Amino acid sequence: MLIQELHLHVDEQVTVKGWVVHHRSSGKIDFLVIRDGSGQVQTVVREPARTALAEVLTQAVQETSVVVEGRVGIDPRSPGGVEVVVEQIQLIGSGHDYPIGPKAHGVDFLMDHRHLWVRSARQSAILRIRAAIIRLARNFLDGHGFVVADPPIITPSFAEGSTSLFAIDYFGEPAYLSQSGQLYMEALAMALGKVYAFGPTFRAEKSKTRRHLSEFWMIEPEMAFCDFEENLWWQEQLIEAIVQGVLAECQVELATLERDLSHLQAVVRPFPRITYRQALEQLTAEGFELQFGDDLGAPHETALARAYDRPVFLTHFPTRLKAFYMQPDPRDPELALAADLLAPEGYGEIIGGSERIYDYELMRSRLVSQGLDEGQYAWYLDLRRFGTVPHSGFGVGLERLVAWIAGLDHVRETTPFPRTLTRLWP
């Protein structure tokens, strides 16, 4: 019987299999809180079972695995509204000398024991929220006619910049771990209309910020016959659906994390917008020294988003700041039809997207101007030679999205086993 289903079986005999969270004794009663991955429940051992199980109870320490048999009773004080009155306990695996106790531990210690730390209530809540976000994103995209399609992880060229790639030897040829599936998703959009990828991506940036991982997951929709405005519309819908879905489905997990729900309840369409030029004016007024063409970093994004209670689009960047494939604004070719979606509360960019260049000659000239090997991108140019259409897409950084929705200080808690500049183990 799963703990999350016990409330459906009041006054019934059940068997619960799980691990001891903590064990305390009060007079002639023992209380063991058991978790099984689906939730936690308090179990109560009274006489005469307590005497019969005396030896077993002395060994039922934190993280001991057990099989508990008993009867489900009502307990209004319990989070699930029920408890289990124990009749029998079978020990499976010992929890003695478990290294993570209720005392405070340093981050390095916890990361070194990540394989055990994930058992804690906080980490389990985070991973359940992550799972809900993945499910909600897939349900939204699947329900709106997007087709999931998988780009390769090993690629012969790069999408955004050669300095952030992990190079590998591919049977004697140079290759790279994918930093984005976007170029391939454009090809798939020409075949299937609306597509999305969901998978791991890799960035070799030597960054130690709280927003960066070397391995992370991306949700990458791409749409044929889609312009810049429609692209923003899809992003708004997706983020609103995910946030409101988490609010509805993850109340226990959000409560475990003590998340302020008012910040999430405000996430409804439409999202505000500011252009890059407007952002420069705002930031200059706040004391930042910036010139047109300067890139905006985490402190700038935090300052810009501070004025809003929901995500804000930062649009129309200088073309030289953005990737070679982004469509220039026909009204001002110095600017790209690109947008970053900035989360409130200092969480920064969670989506980057743009309308893509669909003119063959313009794309070819962009490749040449940026010193890229035209031969490496011949297949990509073919998309503009044969049946080209306006198209757009975006990428959602899953871990940053989880960090914002869960209210976490660092992305290292958003993934089961994070890979950072300094961590490759466990």
Protein backbone atom coordinates (compact mmCIF):
# COMPACT_ATOMS: atom_id res chain seq x y z
CA MET A 1 0.00 0.00 0.00
CA LEU A 2 1.40 3.41 -0.96
CA ILE A 3 1.36 5.91 1.87
CA GLN A 4 -0.35 8.50 -0.32
CA GLU A 5 -3.32 6.09 -0.65
CA LEU A 6 -3.74 5.21 3.03
CA HIS A 7 -6.56 7.73 3.55
CA LEU A 8 -8.67 5.56 1.24
CA HIS A 9 -8.29 2.54 3.54
CA VAL A 10 -9.33 3.67 7.02
CA ASP A 11 -10.01 0.74 9.37
CA GLU A 12 -8.37 -1.67 6.94
CA GLN A 13 -5.36 -3.92 7.46
CA VAL A 14 -2.42 -2.72 5.34
CA THR A 15 1.25 -3.39 4.68
CA VAL A 16 3.58 -0.39 4.22
CA LYS A 17 7.12 -0.78 2.90
CA GLY A 18 9.56 2.07 3.39
CA TRP A 19 12.26 3.72 5.48
CA VAL A 20 12.30 5.17 9.00
CA VAL A 21 12.44 8.98 9.00
CA HIS A 22 12.64 9.23 12.78
CA HIS A 23 11.74 7.18 15.84
CA ARG A 24 10.75 8.44 19.26
CA SER A 25 9.33 6.89 22.39
CA SER A 26 6.76 8.48 24.68
CA GLY A 27 5.86 6.52 27.82
CA LYS A 28 4.46 3.22 26.70
CA ILE A 29 4.09 4.16 23.03
CA ASP A 30 6.63 4.28 20.19
CA PHE A 31 6.16 6.51 17.15
CA LEU A 32 7.91 5.78 13.87
CA VAL A 33 7.49 8.10 10.90
CA ILE A 34 7.83 6.04 7.73
CA ARG A 35 8.37 7.28 4.17
CA ASP A 36 7.99 5.26 0.99
CA GLY A 37 8.63 7.81 -1.75
CA SER A 38 4.96 8.67 -2.13
CA GLY A 39 4.68 10.36 1.27
CA GLN A 40 5.15 9.98 5.01
CA VAL A 41 2.94 8.49 7.70
CA GLN A 42 3.20 8.20 11.45
CA THR A 43 2.99 4.66 12.75
CA VAL A 44 2.09 3.96 16.38
CA VAL A 45 3.33 0.95 18.39
CA ARG A 46 1.28 0.32 21.54
CA GLU A 47 1.20 -2.55 23.98
CA PRO A 48 1.20 -5.51 23.61
CA ALA A 49 2.88 -5.11 20.20
CA ARG A 50 5.49 -2.80 21.76
CA THR A 51 6.77 -5.52 24.09
CA ALA A 52 6.75 -8.13 21.38
CA LEU A 53 8.70 -5.84 19.05
CA ALA A 54 11.10 -4.44 21.67
CA GLU A 55 14.26 -5.79 19.99
CA VAL A 56 13.14 -4.66 16.55
CA LEU A 57 12.34 -1.16 17.81
CA THR A 58 15.85 -0.68 19.20
CA GLN A 59 17.21 -1.21 15.67
CA ALA A 60 14.65 0.95 13.85
CA VAL A 61 16.87 4.02 13.50
CA GLN A 62 16.82 6.67 10.77
CA GLU A 63 16.89 5.16 7.23
CA THR A 64 16.35 1.59 8.39
CA SER A 65 14.23 -0.10 5.75
CA VAL A 66 11.15 -1.82 7.12
CA VAL A 67 7.92 -3.62 6.30
CA VAL A 68 5.13 -2.49 8.63
CA GLU A 69 1.80 -4.28 9.05
CA GLY A 70 -1.09 -2.66 10.87
CA ARG A 71 -4.48 -1.00 10.74
CA VAL A 72 -5.17 2.47 9.35
CA GLY A 73 -6.75 4.89 11.81
CA ILE A 74 -7.89 8.51 11.67
CA ASP A 75 -5.43 11.12 12.98
CA PRO A 76 -6.52 14.72 12.20
CA ARG A 77 -3.11 16.06 13.34
CA SER A 78 -1.27 14.11 10.67
CA PRO A 79 -0.58 15.76 7.26
CA GLY A 80 -2.37 12.86 5.58
CA GLY A 81 -5.10 12.67 8.21
CA VAL A 82 -4.29 9.05 9.10
CA GLU A 83 -1.87 6.91 11.09
CA VAL A 84 -1.04 3.21 11.14
CA VAL A 85 -1.45 1.25 14.38
CA VAL A 86 1.37 -1.28 14.16
CA GLU A 87 0.97 -5.00 14.69
CA GLN A 88 4.19 -6.24 13.10
CA ILE A 89 7.51 -4.75 11.90
CA GLN A 90 10.05 -6.58 9.77
CA LEU A 91 13.56 -5.08 9.41
CA ILE A 92 15.02 -5.23 5.89
CA GLY A 93 18.20 -3.13 5.88
CA SER A 94 20.10 -1.40 8.67
CA GLY A 95 20.29 2.38 8.94
CA HIS A 96 22.96 2.50 11.65
CA ASP A 97 25.64 5.19 11.21
CA TYR A 98 23.63 6.99 8.53
CA PRO A 99 25.82 10.04 7.85
CA ILE A 100 23.13 12.70 7.35
CA GLY A 101 21.43 13.52 10.62
CA PRO A 102 19.08 16.27 11.76
CA LYS A 103 22.02 18.58 12.55
CA ALA A 104 23.20 21.19 10.04
CA HIS A 105 25.68 20.03 7.40
CA GLY A 106 27.81 22.05 4.99
CA VAL A 107 26.96 22.20 1.30
CA ASP A 108 30.10 20.29 0.24
CA PHE A 109 29.31 17.50 2.70
CA LEU A 110 25.75 17.24 1.41
CA MET A 111 26.85 17.30 -2.23
CA ASP A 112 29.44 14.58 -1.51
CA HIS A 113 26.54 12.55 -0.10
CA ARG A 114 24.05 13.57 -2.78
CA HIS A 115 23.10 9.91 -3.32
CA LEU A 116 21.75 9.93 0.25
CA TRP A 117 20.72 13.59 0.52
CA VAL A 118 18.01 13.06 -2.10
CA ARG A 119 16.12 11.01 0.54
CA SER A 120 15.42 14.12 2.65
CA ALA A 121 11.94 15.64 2.64
CA ARG A 122 13.20 18.88 1.08
CA GLN A 123 15.12 17.23 -1.75
CA SER A 124 12.28 14.81 -2.45
CA ALA A 125 9.86 17.75 -2.67
CA ILE A 126 12.13 19.51 -5.17
CA LEU A 127 12.44 16.44 -7.38
CA ARG A 128 8.66 15.91 -7.30
CA ILE A 129 8.16 19.51 -8.41
CA ARG A 130 10.69 18.93 -11.19
CA ALA A 131 8.74 15.85 -12.30
CA ALA A 132 5.48 17.83 -12.24
CA ILE A 133 7.00 20.60 -14.37
CA ILE A 134 8.18 18.06 -16.94
CA ARG A 135 4.76 16.41 -17.03
CA LEU A 136 2.91 19.73 -17.30
CA ALA A 137 5.19 20.97 -20.09
CA ARG A 138 4.75 17.76 -22.06
CA ASN A 139 0.99 17.75 -21.54
CA PHE A 140 0.74 21.35 -22.75
CA LEU A 141 2.85 20.82 -25.85
CA ASP A 142 1.35 17.43 -26.71
CA GLY A 143 -2.13 18.89 -26.23
CA HIS A 144 -1.44 21.80 -28.59
CA GLY A 145 -0.29 19.80 -31.58
CA PHE A 146 3.46 19.73 -30.96
CA VAL A 147 5.29 16.54 -31.91
CA VAL A 148 8.16 15.42 -29.70
CA ALA A 149 11.26 14.72 -31.81
CA ASP A 150 14.78 14.00 -30.65
CA PRO A 151 17.82 15.87 -31.99
CA PRO A 152 21.27 14.27 -31.69
CA ILE A 153 23.39 14.81 -28.58
CA ILE A 154 26.66 14.34 -30.51
CA THR A 155 27.02 17.06 -33.16
CA PRO A 156 29.65 18.09 -35.74
CA SER A 157 29.14 21.84 -35.23
CA PHE A 158 27.90 24.31 -32.67
CA ALA A 159 24.71 26.30 -32.35
CA GLU A 160 25.73 29.26 -30.25
CA GLY A 161 29.45 29.49 -29.52
CA SER A 162 32.55 27.32 -29.78
CA THR A 163 33.92 28.45 -26.40
CA SER A 164 31.17 26.70 -24.45
CA LEU A 165 31.44 23.25 -26.02
CA PHE A 166 32.61 19.91 -24.68
CA ALA A 167 34.75 18.46 -27.47
CA ILE A 168 34.97 14.70 -27.98
CA ASP A 169 36.81 12.35 -30.34
CA TYR A 170 34.22 10.74 -32.60
CA PHE A 171 36.10 7.82 -34.19
CA GLY A 172 38.97 10.10 -35.15
CA GLU A 173 36.83 13.11 -36.07
CA PRO A 174 36.18 16.17 -33.90
CA ALA A 175 32.67 16.35 -32.49
CA TYR A 176 30.86 18.04 -29.62
CA LEU A 177 28.25 17.38 -26.97
CA SER A 178 25.16 19.34 -27.92
CA GLN A 179 24.70 22.79 -26.41
CA SER A 180 21.26 23.03 -28.05
CA GLY A 181 19.12 20.90 -30.33
CA GLN A 182 17.67 23.98 -32.00
CA LEU A 183 19.27 23.75 -35.47
CA TYR A 184 17.99 20.20 -35.85
CA MET A 185 14.58 21.17 -34.51
CA GLU A 186 14.29 23.71 -37.32
CA ALA A 187 14.71 20.87 -39.82
CA LEU A 188 12.10 18.81 -38.01
CA ALA A 189 9.66 21.74 -37.93
CA MET A 190 9.83 21.86 -41.73
CA ALA A 191 8.64 18.24 -41.72
CA LEU A 192 6.18 18.17 -38.81
CA GLY A 193 5.02 21.78 -38.35
CA LYS A 194 5.26 22.20 -34.57
CA VAL A 195 7.86 20.14 -32.73
CA TYR A 196 9.71 20.08 -29.44
CA ALA A 197 12.75 18.41 -27.97
CA PHE A 198 13.30 17.57 -24.34
CA GLY A 199 16.71 16.30 -23.37
CA PRO A 200 20.14 17.01 -21.91
CA THR A 201 22.42 19.77 -23.17
CA PHE A 202 25.98 20.64 -22.22
CA ARG A 203 27.81 23.93 -21.73
CA ALA A 204 31.53 24.11 -20.94
CA GLU A 205 31.35 27.62 -19.54
CA LYS A 206 33.69 28.02 -16.57
CA SER A 207 30.98 29.57 -14.46
CA LYS A 208 30.44 29.16 -10.74
CA THR A 209 27.22 31.17 -10.42
CA ARG A 210 24.08 29.87 -8.75
CA ARG A 211 22.36 29.76 -12.15
CA HIS A 212 24.78 27.55 -14.09
CA LEU A 213 25.25 23.82 -14.55
CA SER A 214 27.54 22.05 -17.01
CA GLU A 215 24.81 19.52 -17.82
CA PHE A 216 21.17 20.58 -17.85
CA TRP A 217 17.89 19.82 -19.56
CA MET A 218 16.14 21.93 -22.17
CA ILE A 219 12.61 22.05 -23.52
CA GLU A 220 12.97 23.35 -27.09
CA PRO A 221 9.83 24.00 -29.15
CA GLU A 222 10.20 25.05 -32.79
CA MET A 223 7.35 26.16 -35.06
CA ALA A 224 6.99 26.59 -38.83
CA PHE A 225 4.96 29.56 -40.10
CA CYS A 226 5.49 31.31 -36.76
CA ASP A 227 6.68 34.90 -36.35
CA PHE A 228 8.21 36.72 -33.40
CA GLU A 229 4.91 37.76 -31.82
CA GLU A 230 3.37 34.29 -31.97
CA ASN A 231 6.55 32.88 -30.48
CA LEU A 232 6.14 35.09 -27.40
CA TRP A 233 2.48 34.07 -27.21
CA TRP A 234 3.42 30.38 -27.02
CA GLN A 235 5.98 31.09 -24.29
CA GLU A 236 3.42 32.94 -22.17
CA GLN A 237 0.92 30.13 -22.47
CA LEU A 238 3.45 27.44 -21.61
CA ILE A 239 4.84 29.17 -18.52
CA GLU A 240 1.40 30.10 -17.20
CA ALA A 241 0.20 26.50 -17.64
CA ILE A 242 3.24 25.09 -15.84
CA VAL A 243 3.14 27.50 -12.89
CA GLN A 244 -0.59 27.24 -12.34
CA GLY A 245 -0.37 23.46 -12.70
CA VAL A 246 2.34 23.23 -10.04
CA LEU A 247 0.21 25.37 -7.71
CA ALA A 248 -2.68 22.96 -8.16
CA GLU A 249 -0.74 19.68 -8.01
CA CYS A 250 2.19 20.29 -5.64
CA GLN A 251 0.68 21.92 -2.58
CA VAL A 252 2.39 19.52 -0.15
CA GLU A 253 5.78 19.94 -1.82
CA LEU A 254 5.52 23.74 -1.95
CA ALA A 255 4.56 23.76 1.73
CA THR A 256 7.56 21.57 2.56
CA LEU A 257 9.78 24.16 0.87
CA GLU A 258 7.91 27.02 2.59
CA ARG A 259 7.43 28.66 -0.81
CA ASP A 260 5.60 32.00 -0.82
CA LEU A 261 2.71 31.14 -3.14
CA SER A 262 1.75 34.75 -3.81
CA HIS A 263 4.76 35.04 -6.14
CA LEU A 264 3.47 32.14 -8.23
CA GLN A 265 -0.22 33.07 -8.12
CA ALA A 266 0.65 36.33 -9.93
CA VAL A 267 2.02 34.44 -12.95
CA VAL A 268 -0.79 34.98 -15.43
CA ARG A 269 -0.80 36.36 -18.97
CA PRO A 270 -0.03 38.80 -20.43
CA PHE A 271 3.60 39.20 -19.42
CA PRO A 272 5.09 42.71 -19.55
CA ARG A 273 7.72 43.61 -22.15
CA ILE A 274 10.68 45.96 -22.30
CA THR A 275 13.11 46.43 -25.16
CA TYR A 276 16.87 46.32 -24.82
CA ARG A 277 17.03 50.09 -25.30
CA GLN A 278 14.41 50.67 -22.62
CA ALA A 279 16.35 48.34 -20.34
CA LEU A 280 19.51 50.39 -20.84
CA GLU A 281 17.62 53.56 -19.86
CA GLN A 282 16.19 51.91 -16.76
CA LEU A 283 19.51 50.43 -15.69
CA THR A 284 21.39 53.68 -16.31
CA ALA A 285 18.87 55.47 -14.09
CA GLU A 286 19.63 52.93 -11.39
CA GLY A 287 23.37 53.61 -11.55
CA PHE A 288 24.63 50.93 -13.92
CA GLU A 289 27.22 52.07 -16.47
CA LEU A 290 26.19 50.56 -19.79
CA GLN A 291 26.50 51.39 -23.46
CA PHE A 292 24.47 50.18 -26.42
CA GLY A 293 25.87 46.80 -27.39
CA ASP A 294 26.90 45.78 -23.88
CA ASP A 295 25.70 42.38 -22.77
CA LEU A 296 23.41 42.20 -19.75
CA GLY A 297 24.38 39.88 -16.90
CA ALA A 298 22.70 38.49 -13.81
CA PRO A 299 22.76 41.76 -11.78
CA HIS A 300 21.13 43.62 -14.68
CA GLU A 301 18.45 40.96 -15.15
CA THR A 302 17.66 41.02 -11.43
CA ALA A 303 17.33 44.81 -11.43
CA LEU A 304 15.06 44.78 -14.48
CA ALA A 305 12.75 42.07 -13.19
CA ARG A 306 12.45 43.68 -9.74
CA ALA A 307 9.77 46.04 -11.03
CA TYR A 308 7.40 43.22 -12.01
CA ASP A 309 5.39 40.57 -10.14
CA ARG A 310 5.50 38.11 -13.05
CA PRO A 311 7.99 37.16 -15.79
CA VAL A 312 9.00 39.98 -18.15
CA PHE A 313 10.14 39.75 -21.78
CA LEU A 314 13.36 41.56 -22.64
CA THR A 315 13.24 42.02 -26.42
CA HIS A 316 15.06 43.42 -29.46
CA PHE A 317 18.69 42.88 -28.58
CA PRO A 318 21.54 44.15 -30.76
CA THR A 319 22.18 41.53 -33.43
CA ARG A 320 25.87 41.33 -32.51
CA LEU A 321 24.94 40.05 -29.05
CA LYS A 322 22.88 37.17 -30.36
CA ALA A 323 23.44 33.98 -32.31
CA PHE A 324 23.98 34.00 -36.07
CA TYR A 325 20.57 32.47 -36.87
CA MET A 326 18.36 35.19 -35.33
CA GLN A 327 16.18 37.25 -37.68
CA PRO A 328 16.97 41.00 -37.81
CA ASP A 329 14.10 43.37 -37.18
CA PRO A 330 13.05 44.64 -40.64
CA ARG A 331 12.34 48.07 -39.08
CA ASP A 332 15.82 48.24 -37.54
CA PRO A 333 18.28 45.60 -38.80
CA GLU A 334 20.67 46.54 -36.00
CA LEU A 335 18.28 44.70 -33.67
CA ALA A 336 17.33 41.01 -33.58
CA LEU A 337 13.80 39.66 -33.22
CA ALA A 338 14.91 37.89 -30.07
CA ALA A 339 13.63 37.82 -26.50
CA ASP A 340 14.69 36.53 -23.13
CA LEU A 341 12.04 35.78 -20.52
CA LEU A 342 13.24 36.93 -17.10
CA ALA A 343 11.74 35.38 -13.98
CA PRO A 344 10.94 37.64 -11.01
CA GLU A 345 12.58 37.41 -7.57
CA GLY A 346 16.10 37.56 -8.99
CA TYR A 347 16.03 34.26 -10.91
CA GLY A 348 17.00 35.75 -14.26
CA GLU A 349 16.57 34.26 -17.72
CA ILE A 350 14.45 31.11 -17.94
CA ILE A 351 13.71 31.23 -21.70
CA GLY A 352 15.64 32.42 -24.71
CA GLY A 353 13.99 32.54 -28.11
CA SER A 354 13.79 34.26 -31.47
CA GLU A 355 12.39 34.32 -34.94
CA ARG A 356 14.92 32.53 -37.15
CA ILE A 357 16.49 33.84 -40.35
CA TYR A 358 14.68 32.14 -43.22
CA ASP A 359 16.26 33.92 -46.22
CA TYR A 360 19.04 31.86 -47.82
CA GLU A 361 21.33 34.72 -48.80
CA LEU A 362 21.01 36.45 -45.45
CA MET A 363 21.78 33.25 -43.56
CA ARG A 364 24.75 32.53 -45.81
CA SER A 365 26.13 36.01 -45.30
CA ARG A 366 25.74 35.69 -41.53
CA LEU A 367 27.73 32.45 -41.53
CA VAL A 368 30.50 34.04 -43.56
CA SER A 369 30.59 37.22 -41.45
CA GLN A 370 31.01 35.18 -38.28
CA GLY A 371 33.78 33.03 -39.73
CA LEU A 372 31.78 29.81 -39.65
CA ASP A 373 32.53 26.95 -42.03
CA GLU A 374 29.82 27.05 -44.69
CA GLY A 375 30.41 23.40 -45.48
CA GLN A 376 29.63 22.38 -41.89
CA TYR A 377 26.27 24.14 -42.17
CA ALA A 378 25.36 23.05 -45.72
CA TRP A 379 22.44 20.99 -44.46
CA TYR A 380 21.22 23.95 -42.39
CA LEU A 381 21.38 26.22 -45.44
CA ASP A 382 19.32 23.65 -47.36
CA LEU A 383 16.40 24.52 -45.07
CA ARG A 384 16.49 28.00 -46.65
CA ARG A 385 17.01 26.69 -50.20
CA PHE A 386 14.07 24.32 -50.32
CA GLY A 387 10.64 25.54 -49.22
CA THR A 388 11.78 28.09 -46.66
CA VAL A 389 9.16 29.68 -44.38
CA PRO A 390 9.18 32.10 -41.45
CA HIS A 391 9.73 30.10 -38.28
CA SER A 392 10.53 30.64 -34.63
CA GLY A 393 11.39 28.78 -31.47
CA PHE A 394 12.64 28.99 -27.94
CA GLY A 395 14.47 27.05 -25.26
CA VAL A 396 13.37 26.64 -21.64
CA GLY A 397 16.08 25.85 -19.11
CA LEU A 398 14.43 23.23 -16.92
CA GLU A 399 16.69 23.61 -13.90
CA ARG A 400 16.33 27.41 -13.81
CA LEU A 401 12.57 26.99 -14.10
CA VAL A 402 12.55 24.54 -11.19
CA ALA A 403 14.75 26.85 -9.09
CA TRP A 404 12.38 29.77 -9.59
CA ILE A 405 9.11 27.88 -9.05
CA ALA A 406 10.47 26.06 -5.98
CA GLY A 407 12.14 29.21 -4.63
CA LEU A 408 15.66 27.73 -4.40
CA ASP A 409 18.91 29.60 -3.88
CA HIS A 410 20.97 27.47 -6.29
CA VAL A 411 20.30 25.27 -9.32
CA ARG A 412 22.43 22.46 -7.84
CA GLU A 413 19.35 21.26 -5.89
CA THR A 414 17.12 21.14 -8.98
CA THR A 415 18.60 18.02 -10.56
CA PRO A 416 19.30 14.62 -8.97
CA PHE A 417 23.07 14.63 -9.58
CA PRO A 418 24.32 18.08 -10.63
CA ARG A 419 27.38 18.57 -12.79
CA THR A 420 29.22 21.82 -12.16
CA LEU A 421 32.66 23.28 -12.83
CA THR A 422 34.00 21.59 -9.69
CA ARG A 423 31.79 18.52 -9.33
CA LEU A 424 31.72 15.28 -11.31
CA TRP A 425 30.97 12.92 -8.38
CA PRO A 426 28.86 11.12 -7.28
